[in-house]
Amino acid sequence: MTEETKQEQVLQEELEELAELPDEESIEETVKPEQVSTIAGTVPQKAEEGKEEAKPKRKKKDDDIVEEKFYTIPLQRALVRPPKKRAPRAIQLVRLFVARHMKLQVKSSEEEENEELPQLFISPEVNEKIWGRGIEKPPRKIKTRVTKDKDGNIIVYLAENQ
């Protein structure tokens, strides 16, 4: 018999012993927590704790959206830059345009610095649209849908018709 089959048999025997035990206290005395997690086929507790601390993914909810606007953002000023700096400049122009038109709040005093400020997020679709033809040739303009949630966070999406 190979070592793997021996280990499987040992694990099966331990599982049978655990099934016979009446309460959790006796399990803790006979088997270490690491062994229980490997026997049961689950992830150890330390890894599970790390998952709990992870931030939940953002979910798009219609209730959270306070304001929604459609903009055509001009990006021609990006062409003034050298060819290898045009797409990054276009992203900067999108940020400046949206912050100006959606009235993004910035910190003005030391008291507000401690509070969480609203943030501006650009969706991957908008980023891909700008970078689609490379760093040297961003589009001259881009149609976007901009939403603002109740916390003041702003998200820039690509308009549906593009």
N, C-alpha and C. Protein backbone atom coordinates (compact mmCIF):
# COMPACT_ATOMS: atom_id res chain seq x y z
N MET A 1 0.84 -1.18 0.00
CA MET A 1 0.00 0.00 0.00
C MET A 1 0.88 1.24 0.00
N THR A 2 0.41 2.26 -0.71
CA THR A 2 1.18 3.49 -0.76
C THR A 2 0.89 4.35 0.46
N GLU A 3 1.68 5.39 0.62
CA GLU A 3 1.51 6.27 1.77
C GLU A 3 0.19 7.01 1.72
N GLU A 4 -0.26 7.36 0.51
CA GLU A 4 -1.52 8.09 0.38
C GLU A 4 -2.70 7.24 0.83
N THR A 5 -2.71 5.97 0.45
CA THR A 5 -3.81 5.11 0.88
C THR A 5 -3.77 4.89 2.39
N LYS A 6 -2.56 4.79 2.97
CA LYS A 6 -2.45 4.66 4.43
C LYS A 6 -3.01 5.90 5.13
N GLN A 7 -2.67 7.07 4.60
CA GLN A 7 -3.17 8.31 5.19
C GLN A 7 -4.68 8.39 5.07
N GLU A 8 -5.21 7.96 3.93
CA GLU A 8 -6.67 7.97 3.75
C GLU A 8 -7.35 7.05 4.75
N GLN A 9 -6.77 5.87 4.98
CA GLN A 9 -7.35 4.94 5.95
C GLN A 9 -7.31 5.53 7.35
N VAL A 10 -6.21 6.17 7.70
CA VAL A 10 -6.09 6.79 9.02
C VAL A 10 -7.14 7.89 9.17
N LEU A 11 -7.32 8.67 8.14
CA LEU A 11 -8.33 9.73 8.18
C LEU A 11 -9.73 9.14 8.30
N GLN A 12 -10.00 8.06 7.59
CA GLN A 12 -11.31 7.41 7.68
C GLN A 12 -11.56 6.91 9.10
N GLU A 13 -10.54 6.31 9.70
CA GLU A 13 -10.68 5.82 11.07
C GLU A 13 -10.95 6.97 12.04
N GLU A 14 -10.25 8.09 11.85
CA GLU A 14 -10.47 9.25 12.72
C GLU A 14 -11.87 9.81 12.53
N LEU A 15 -12.36 9.81 11.30
CA LEU A 15 -13.73 10.27 11.04
C LEU A 15 -14.75 9.38 11.74
N GLU A 16 -14.51 8.07 11.69
CA GLU A 16 -15.43 7.15 12.37
C GLU A 16 -15.41 7.38 13.88
N GLU A 17 -14.22 7.63 14.44
CA GLU A 17 -14.11 7.90 15.87
C GLU A 17 -14.84 9.20 16.22
N LEU A 18 -14.70 10.20 15.37
CA LEU A 18 -15.36 11.47 15.62
C LEU A 18 -16.88 11.32 15.55
N ALA A 19 -17.36 10.48 14.68
CA ALA A 19 -18.80 10.27 14.56
C ALA A 19 -19.36 9.61 15.82
N GLU A 20 -18.54 8.80 16.48
CA GLU A 20 -18.99 8.12 17.69
C GLU A 20 -18.98 9.03 18.91
N LEU A 21 -18.18 10.11 18.90
CA LEU A 21 -18.08 10.99 20.06
C LEU A 21 -19.36 11.79 20.23
N PRO A 22 -19.86 11.92 21.49
CA PRO A 22 -21.15 12.58 21.71
C PRO A 22 -21.10 14.11 21.72
N ASP A 23 -20.04 14.75 22.17
CA ASP A 23 -20.05 16.20 22.30
C ASP A 23 -18.77 16.81 21.74
N GLU A 24 -18.77 18.13 21.61
CA GLU A 24 -17.66 18.85 21.01
C GLU A 24 -16.43 18.90 21.91
N GLU A 25 -16.62 18.85 23.21
CA GLU A 25 -15.49 18.94 24.12
C GLU A 25 -14.52 17.78 23.93
N SER A 26 -15.06 16.60 23.73
CA SER A 26 -14.19 15.44 23.55
C SER A 26 -13.45 15.52 22.21
N ILE A 27 -14.03 16.16 21.21
CA ILE A 27 -13.35 16.33 19.93
C ILE A 27 -12.13 17.22 20.11
N GLU A 28 -12.28 18.29 20.86
CA GLU A 28 -11.17 19.21 21.08
C GLU A 28 -10.03 18.55 21.83
N GLU A 29 -10.37 17.61 22.75
CA GLU A 29 -9.34 16.95 23.52
C GLU A 29 -8.55 15.95 22.68
N THR A 30 -9.21 15.24 21.79
CA THR A 30 -8.54 14.17 21.05
C THR A 30 -7.88 14.64 19.76
N VAL A 31 -8.48 15.61 19.09
CA VAL A 31 -7.97 16.03 17.79
C VAL A 31 -7.71 17.53 17.81
N LYS A 32 -6.60 17.95 17.24
CA LYS A 32 -6.26 19.37 17.15
C LYS A 32 -7.16 20.04 16.11
N PRO A 33 -7.39 21.37 16.22
CA PRO A 33 -8.25 22.06 15.25
C PRO A 33 -7.75 21.96 13.82
N GLU A 34 -6.42 21.93 13.63
CA GLU A 34 -5.89 21.80 12.28
C GLU A 34 -6.27 20.46 11.68
N GLN A 35 -6.24 19.41 12.52
CA GLN A 35 -6.59 18.08 12.03
C GLN A 35 -8.07 18.00 11.70
N VAL A 36 -8.91 18.63 12.52
CA VAL A 36 -10.34 18.60 12.26
C VAL A 36 -10.65 19.25 10.92
N SER A 37 -9.99 20.37 10.64
CA SER A 37 -10.27 21.06 9.40
C SER A 37 -9.82 20.23 8.20
N THR A 38 -8.67 19.52 8.32
CA THR A 38 -8.24 18.70 7.19
C THR A 38 -9.06 17.44 7.08
N ILE A 39 -9.50 16.91 8.21
CA ILE A 39 -10.33 15.70 8.17
C ILE A 39 -11.68 16.02 7.53
N ALA A 40 -12.28 17.09 7.96
CA ALA A 40 -13.59 17.45 7.45
C ALA A 40 -13.54 17.99 6.03
N GLY A 41 -12.33 18.31 5.54
CA GLY A 41 -12.20 18.81 4.18
C GLY A 41 -12.53 20.28 4.05
N THR A 42 -12.42 21.01 5.14
CA THR A 42 -12.71 22.44 5.10
C THR A 42 -11.43 23.24 5.19
N VAL A 43 -11.55 24.53 5.03
CA VAL A 43 -10.42 25.43 5.13
C VAL A 43 -10.13 25.69 6.60
N PRO A 44 -8.86 25.76 6.99
CA PRO A 44 -8.55 26.07 8.40
C PRO A 44 -9.16 27.39 8.84
N GLN A 45 -9.34 27.54 10.16
CA GLN A 45 -10.02 28.70 10.70
C GLN A 45 -9.28 29.99 10.40
N LYS A 46 -7.96 29.97 10.36
CA LYS A 46 -7.20 31.18 10.08
C LYS A 46 -7.52 31.71 8.69
N ALA A 47 -7.65 30.82 7.72
CA ALA A 47 -7.97 31.26 6.37
C ALA A 47 -9.41 31.79 6.31
N GLU A 48 -10.31 31.18 7.09
CA GLU A 48 -11.69 31.65 7.10
C GLU A 48 -11.78 33.05 7.69
N GLU A 49 -10.96 33.33 8.71
CA GLU A 49 -10.98 34.65 9.31
C GLU A 49 -10.54 35.71 8.30
N GLY A 50 -9.57 35.38 7.47
CA GLY A 50 -9.11 36.31 6.44
C GLY A 50 -10.20 36.63 5.45
N LYS A 51 -11.05 35.65 5.15
CA LYS A 51 -12.14 35.88 4.21
C LYS A 51 -13.18 36.84 4.80
N GLU A 52 -13.40 36.73 6.10
CA GLU A 52 -14.39 37.60 6.73
C GLU A 52 -13.95 39.05 6.72
N GLU A 53 -12.64 39.28 6.82
CA GLU A 53 -12.13 40.63 6.86
C GLU A 53 -12.13 41.30 5.49
N ALA A 54 -12.18 40.50 4.44
CA ALA A 54 -12.16 41.05 3.09
C ALA A 54 -13.41 41.88 2.85
N LYS A 55 -13.25 42.96 2.08
CA LYS A 55 -14.38 43.82 1.81
C LYS A 55 -15.34 43.14 0.84
N PRO A 56 -16.63 43.28 1.07
CA PRO A 56 -17.57 42.71 0.11
C PRO A 56 -17.52 43.49 -1.19
N LYS A 57 -17.79 42.79 -2.28
CA LYS A 57 -17.77 43.46 -3.57
C LYS A 57 -18.92 44.45 -3.66
N ARG A 58 -18.68 45.50 -4.42
CA ARG A 58 -19.71 46.51 -4.58
C ARG A 58 -20.85 45.95 -5.42
N LYS A 59 -22.06 46.16 -4.95
CA LYS A 59 -23.22 45.70 -5.70
C LYS A 59 -23.98 46.92 -6.17
N LYS A 60 -24.39 46.89 -7.40
CA LYS A 60 -25.14 48.00 -7.98
C LYS A 60 -26.60 47.89 -7.52
N LYS A 61 -27.03 48.84 -6.75
CA LYS A 61 -28.40 48.85 -6.27
C LYS A 61 -29.07 50.13 -6.74
N ASP A 62 -30.29 50.00 -7.21
CA ASP A 62 -31.02 51.17 -7.66
C ASP A 62 -31.38 52.09 -6.50
N ASP A 63 -31.50 51.53 -5.29
CA ASP A 63 -31.85 52.35 -4.13
C ASP A 63 -30.70 53.29 -3.75
N ASP A 64 -29.47 52.86 -3.97
CA ASP A 64 -28.32 53.65 -3.57
C ASP A 64 -28.07 54.83 -4.50
N ILE A 65 -28.51 54.75 -5.75
CA ILE A 65 -28.24 55.80 -6.72
C ILE A 65 -29.13 57.01 -6.43
N VAL A 66 -28.47 58.13 -6.15
CA VAL A 66 -29.18 59.37 -5.87
C VAL A 66 -29.33 60.19 -7.14
N GLU A 67 -28.27 60.20 -7.94
CA GLU A 67 -28.23 61.06 -9.12
C GLU A 67 -27.57 60.29 -10.26
N GLU A 68 -28.14 60.45 -11.47
CA GLU A 68 -27.57 59.80 -12.64
C GLU A 68 -27.63 60.77 -13.81
N LYS A 69 -26.48 60.98 -14.47
CA LYS A 69 -26.43 61.91 -15.59
C LYS A 69 -25.62 61.30 -16.72
N PHE A 70 -25.94 61.73 -17.94
CA PHE A 70 -25.20 61.30 -19.11
C PHE A 70 -24.39 62.47 -19.64
N TYR A 71 -23.11 62.21 -19.91
CA TYR A 71 -22.22 63.26 -20.39
C TYR A 71 -21.45 62.76 -21.61
N THR A 72 -21.18 63.68 -22.53
CA THR A 72 -20.20 63.43 -23.57
C THR A 72 -18.97 64.23 -23.17
N ILE A 73 -17.92 63.52 -22.81
CA ILE A 73 -16.72 64.17 -22.28
C ILE A 73 -15.74 64.42 -23.42
N PRO A 74 -15.36 65.68 -23.65
CA PRO A 74 -14.39 65.97 -24.70
C PRO A 74 -12.97 65.62 -24.23
N LEU A 75 -12.24 64.92 -25.09
CA LEU A 75 -10.89 64.50 -24.74
C LEU A 75 -9.85 65.05 -25.71
N GLN A 76 -10.20 66.08 -26.49
CA GLN A 76 -9.28 66.60 -27.48
C GLN A 76 -8.05 67.25 -26.87
N ARG A 77 -8.19 67.73 -25.64
CA ARG A 77 -7.04 68.37 -25.00
C ARG A 77 -5.93 67.36 -24.69
N ALA A 78 -6.27 66.07 -24.71
CA ALA A 78 -5.24 65.05 -24.51
C ALA A 78 -4.27 65.01 -25.68
N LEU A 79 -4.71 65.46 -26.86
CA LEU A 79 -3.86 65.42 -28.05
C LEU A 79 -2.77 66.49 -28.02
N VAL A 80 -2.85 67.43 -27.09
CA VAL A 80 -1.84 68.47 -26.97
C VAL A 80 -0.55 67.87 -26.37
N ARG A 81 -0.69 66.78 -25.63
CA ARG A 81 0.44 66.14 -24.97
C ARG A 81 1.30 65.37 -25.98
N PRO A 82 2.51 65.00 -25.57
CA PRO A 82 3.33 64.12 -26.42
C PRO A 82 2.61 62.78 -26.63
N PRO A 83 2.89 62.11 -27.73
CA PRO A 83 2.14 60.89 -28.07
C PRO A 83 2.12 59.82 -26.97
N LYS A 84 3.18 59.65 -26.24
CA LYS A 84 3.23 58.58 -25.23
C LYS A 84 2.57 58.96 -23.92
N LYS A 85 1.96 60.14 -23.83
CA LYS A 85 1.30 60.57 -22.59
C LYS A 85 -0.17 60.91 -22.82
N ARG A 86 -0.72 60.56 -23.99
CA ARG A 86 -2.08 60.99 -24.32
C ARG A 86 -3.17 60.21 -23.59
N ALA A 87 -3.09 58.91 -23.53
CA ALA A 87 -4.14 58.13 -22.85
C ALA A 87 -4.17 58.42 -21.36
N PRO A 88 -3.03 58.52 -20.66
CA PRO A 88 -3.11 58.89 -19.24
C PRO A 88 -3.71 60.28 -19.05
N ARG A 89 -3.42 61.19 -19.96
CA ARG A 89 -4.00 62.54 -19.88
C ARG A 89 -5.51 62.47 -20.10
N ALA A 90 -5.96 61.59 -20.99
CA ALA A 90 -7.39 61.43 -21.22
C ALA A 90 -8.10 60.95 -19.95
N ILE A 91 -7.49 60.05 -19.23
CA ILE A 91 -8.07 59.57 -17.95
C ILE A 91 -8.14 60.73 -16.96
N GLN A 92 -7.09 61.55 -16.90
CA GLN A 92 -7.11 62.72 -16.03
C GLN A 92 -8.24 63.68 -16.42
N LEU A 93 -8.45 63.86 -17.71
CA LEU A 93 -9.51 64.75 -18.17
C LEU A 93 -10.89 64.23 -17.77
N VAL A 94 -11.06 62.91 -17.83
CA VAL A 94 -12.34 62.31 -17.40
C VAL A 94 -12.55 62.60 -15.92
N ARG A 95 -11.51 62.41 -15.10
CA ARG A 95 -11.64 62.67 -13.66
C ARG A 95 -11.96 64.14 -13.39
N LEU A 96 -11.26 65.05 -14.05
CA LEU A 96 -11.50 66.48 -13.82
C LEU A 96 -12.91 66.87 -14.25
N PHE A 97 -13.35 66.40 -15.41
CA PHE A 97 -14.66 66.74 -15.93
C PHE A 97 -15.76 66.26 -14.99
N VAL A 98 -15.66 64.99 -14.56
CA VAL A 98 -16.71 64.41 -13.70
C VAL A 98 -16.70 65.08 -12.33
N ALA A 99 -15.53 65.35 -11.78
CA ALA A 99 -15.46 66.00 -10.47
C ALA A 99 -16.09 67.40 -10.53
N ARG A 100 -15.87 68.09 -11.62
CA ARG A 100 -16.42 69.44 -11.77
C ARG A 100 -17.95 69.40 -11.95
N HIS A 101 -18.43 68.52 -12.82
CA HIS A 101 -19.85 68.53 -13.14
C HIS A 101 -20.72 67.82 -12.11
N MET A 102 -20.16 66.86 -11.37
CA MET A 102 -20.95 66.16 -10.35
C MET A 102 -20.68 66.74 -8.95
N LYS A 103 -19.90 67.81 -8.88
CA LYS A 103 -19.62 68.53 -7.64
C LYS A 103 -19.09 67.60 -6.55
N LEU A 104 -17.96 66.97 -6.88
CA LEU A 104 -17.29 66.09 -5.94
C LEU A 104 -16.71 66.93 -4.81
N GLN A 105 -17.01 66.54 -3.57
CA GLN A 105 -16.54 67.30 -2.41
C GLN A 105 -15.08 66.98 -2.14
N VAL A 106 -14.31 68.00 -1.82
CA VAL A 106 -12.92 67.81 -1.42
C VAL A 106 -12.77 68.31 0.00
N LYS A 107 -11.74 67.84 0.70
CA LYS A 107 -11.56 68.25 2.09
C LYS A 107 -11.15 69.72 2.16
N SER A 108 -11.79 70.44 3.07
CA SER A 108 -11.48 71.87 3.20
C SER A 108 -10.97 72.23 4.59
N SER A 109 -11.16 71.34 5.55
CA SER A 109 -10.67 71.64 6.90
C SER A 109 -10.09 70.37 7.51
N GLU A 110 -9.43 70.53 8.65
CA GLU A 110 -8.81 69.40 9.31
C GLU A 110 -9.84 68.43 9.88
N GLU A 111 -11.01 68.94 10.27
CA GLU A 111 -12.06 68.09 10.81
C GLU A 111 -12.56 67.12 9.75
N GLU A 112 -12.67 67.60 8.51
CA GLU A 112 -13.18 66.76 7.44
C GLU A 112 -12.14 65.75 6.97
N GLU A 113 -10.88 65.95 7.28
CA GLU A 113 -9.83 65.02 6.87
C GLU A 113 -10.00 63.68 7.56
N ASN A 114 -10.52 63.67 8.78
CA ASN A 114 -10.70 62.43 9.52
C ASN A 114 -11.87 61.62 8.98
N GLU A 115 -12.84 62.27 8.38
CA GLU A 115 -14.00 61.59 7.84
C GLU A 115 -13.66 60.98 6.49
N GLU A 116 -14.45 59.98 6.08
CA GLU A 116 -14.26 59.40 4.76
C GLU A 116 -14.83 60.35 3.72
N LEU A 117 -14.03 60.62 2.73
CA LEU A 117 -14.45 61.51 1.66
C LEU A 117 -15.05 60.70 0.52
N PRO A 118 -15.96 61.31 -0.23
CA PRO A 118 -16.49 60.61 -1.41
C PRO A 118 -15.36 60.36 -2.41
N GLN A 119 -15.48 59.27 -3.13
CA GLN A 119 -14.45 58.90 -4.09
C GLN A 119 -15.02 58.84 -5.49
N LEU A 120 -14.13 58.93 -6.46
CA LEU A 120 -14.50 58.85 -7.86
C LEU A 120 -13.93 57.56 -8.43
N PHE A 121 -14.80 56.71 -9.00
CA PHE A 121 -14.39 55.45 -9.59
C PHE A 121 -14.66 55.48 -11.09
N ILE A 122 -13.70 55.04 -11.87
CA ILE A 122 -13.88 54.91 -13.31
C ILE A 122 -13.98 53.43 -13.62
N SER A 123 -15.05 53.01 -14.28
CA SER A 123 -15.27 51.59 -14.55
C SER A 123 -14.23 51.08 -15.55
N PRO A 124 -13.97 49.79 -15.53
CA PRO A 124 -13.01 49.21 -16.47
C PRO A 124 -13.42 49.39 -17.94
N GLU A 125 -14.72 49.46 -18.21
CA GLU A 125 -15.17 49.65 -19.59
C GLU A 125 -14.72 51.00 -20.14
N VAL A 126 -14.81 52.04 -19.31
CA VAL A 126 -14.37 53.37 -19.74
C VAL A 126 -12.86 53.36 -19.96
N ASN A 127 -12.14 52.74 -19.05
CA ASN A 127 -10.69 52.65 -19.17
C ASN A 127 -10.29 51.92 -20.45
N GLU A 128 -10.97 50.80 -20.74
CA GLU A 128 -10.66 50.04 -21.95
C GLU A 128 -11.00 50.81 -23.21
N LYS A 129 -12.08 51.59 -23.15
CA LYS A 129 -12.45 52.40 -24.32
C LYS A 129 -11.37 53.44 -24.61
N ILE A 130 -10.85 54.08 -23.58
CA ILE A 130 -9.83 55.12 -23.77
C ILE A 130 -8.52 54.49 -24.25
N TRP A 131 -8.14 53.38 -23.65
CA TRP A 131 -6.87 52.74 -23.99
C TRP A 131 -6.98 51.78 -25.17
N GLY A 132 -8.17 51.62 -25.74
CA GLY A 132 -8.42 50.63 -26.78
C GLY A 132 -7.52 50.74 -28.00
N ARG A 133 -7.18 51.93 -28.42
CA ARG A 133 -6.33 52.10 -29.60
C ARG A 133 -4.88 52.41 -29.22
N GLY A 134 -4.56 52.23 -27.98
CA GLY A 134 -3.19 52.42 -27.53
C GLY A 134 -3.00 53.74 -26.80
N ILE A 135 -1.77 53.96 -26.38
CA ILE A 135 -1.44 55.15 -25.60
C ILE A 135 -1.43 56.40 -26.46
N GLU A 136 -1.15 56.26 -27.75
CA GLU A 136 -0.97 57.44 -28.61
C GLU A 136 -2.26 57.97 -29.22
N LYS A 137 -3.32 57.13 -29.28
CA LYS A 137 -4.52 57.55 -29.99
C LYS A 137 -5.79 57.33 -29.17
N PRO A 138 -5.99 58.09 -28.10
CA PRO A 138 -7.26 57.97 -27.36
C PRO A 138 -8.39 58.58 -28.19
N PRO A 139 -9.64 58.25 -27.88
CA PRO A 139 -10.76 58.84 -28.63
C PRO A 139 -10.86 60.35 -28.39
N ARG A 140 -11.49 61.06 -29.33
CA ARG A 140 -11.63 62.52 -29.19
C ARG A 140 -12.71 62.89 -28.18
N LYS A 141 -13.69 62.02 -28.03
CA LYS A 141 -14.74 62.24 -27.03
C LYS A 141 -15.29 60.88 -26.63
N ILE A 142 -15.95 60.85 -25.49
CA ILE A 142 -16.48 59.60 -24.97
C ILE A 142 -17.82 59.86 -24.29
N LYS A 143 -18.80 59.01 -24.55
CA LYS A 143 -20.12 59.14 -23.93
C LYS A 143 -20.16 58.28 -22.67
N THR A 144 -20.56 58.91 -21.57
CA THR A 144 -20.55 58.22 -20.29
C THR A 144 -21.86 58.38 -19.54
N ARG A 145 -22.08 57.48 -18.59
CA ARG A 145 -23.20 57.57 -17.65
C ARG A 145 -22.55 57.67 -16.27
N VAL A 146 -22.86 58.72 -15.56
CA VAL A 146 -22.22 59.00 -14.27
C VAL A 146 -23.29 58.91 -13.18
N THR A 147 -23.01 58.10 -12.15
CA THR A 147 -23.96 57.95 -11.04
C THR A 147 -23.32 58.40 -9.74
N LYS A 148 -24.16 58.90 -8.86
CA LYS A 148 -23.72 59.34 -7.54
C LYS A 148 -24.59 58.62 -6.52
N ASP A 149 -23.97 57.95 -5.54
CA ASP A 149 -24.75 57.23 -4.54
C ASP A 149 -24.98 58.10 -3.31
N LYS A 150 -25.68 57.55 -2.33
CA LYS A 150 -26.06 58.36 -1.16
C LYS A 150 -24.86 58.74 -0.29
N ASP A 151 -23.74 58.02 -0.42
CA ASP A 151 -22.53 58.37 0.32
C ASP A 151 -21.72 59.44 -0.38
N GLY A 152 -22.10 59.80 -1.60
CA GLY A 152 -21.38 60.82 -2.36
C GLY A 152 -20.34 60.25 -3.30
N ASN A 153 -20.19 58.91 -3.33
CA ASN A 153 -19.25 58.28 -4.25
C ASN A 153 -19.77 58.38 -5.67
N ILE A 154 -18.86 58.63 -6.61
CA ILE A 154 -19.23 58.81 -8.01
C ILE A 154 -18.62 57.70 -8.83
N ILE A 155 -19.43 57.09 -9.70
CA ILE A 155 -18.95 56.00 -10.55
C ILE A 155 -19.22 56.39 -12.01
N VAL A 156 -18.20 56.25 -12.86
CA VAL A 156 -18.31 56.61 -14.27
C VAL A 156 -18.41 55.31 -15.06
N TYR A 157 -19.54 55.15 -15.79
CA TYR A 157 -19.76 53.99 -16.65
C TYR A 157 -19.76 54.44 -18.10
N LEU A 158 -19.56 53.49 -18.99
CA LEU A 158 -19.69 53.74 -20.42
C LEU A 158 -21.18 53.79 -20.74
N ALA A 159 -21.60 54.74 -21.60
CA ALA A 159 -23.01 54.82 -21.98
C ALA A 159 -23.40 53.54 -22.72
N GLU A 160 -24.67 53.14 -22.61
CA GLU A 160 -25.10 51.86 -23.17
C GLU A 160 -24.98 51.80 -24.68
N ASN A 161 -25.11 52.92 -25.38
CA ASN A 161 -25.12 52.87 -26.83
C ASN A 161 -23.72 52.81 -27.43
N GLN A 162 -22.68 52.74 -26.62
CA GLN A 162 -21.32 52.65 -27.19
C GLN A 162 -20.83 51.24 -27.18
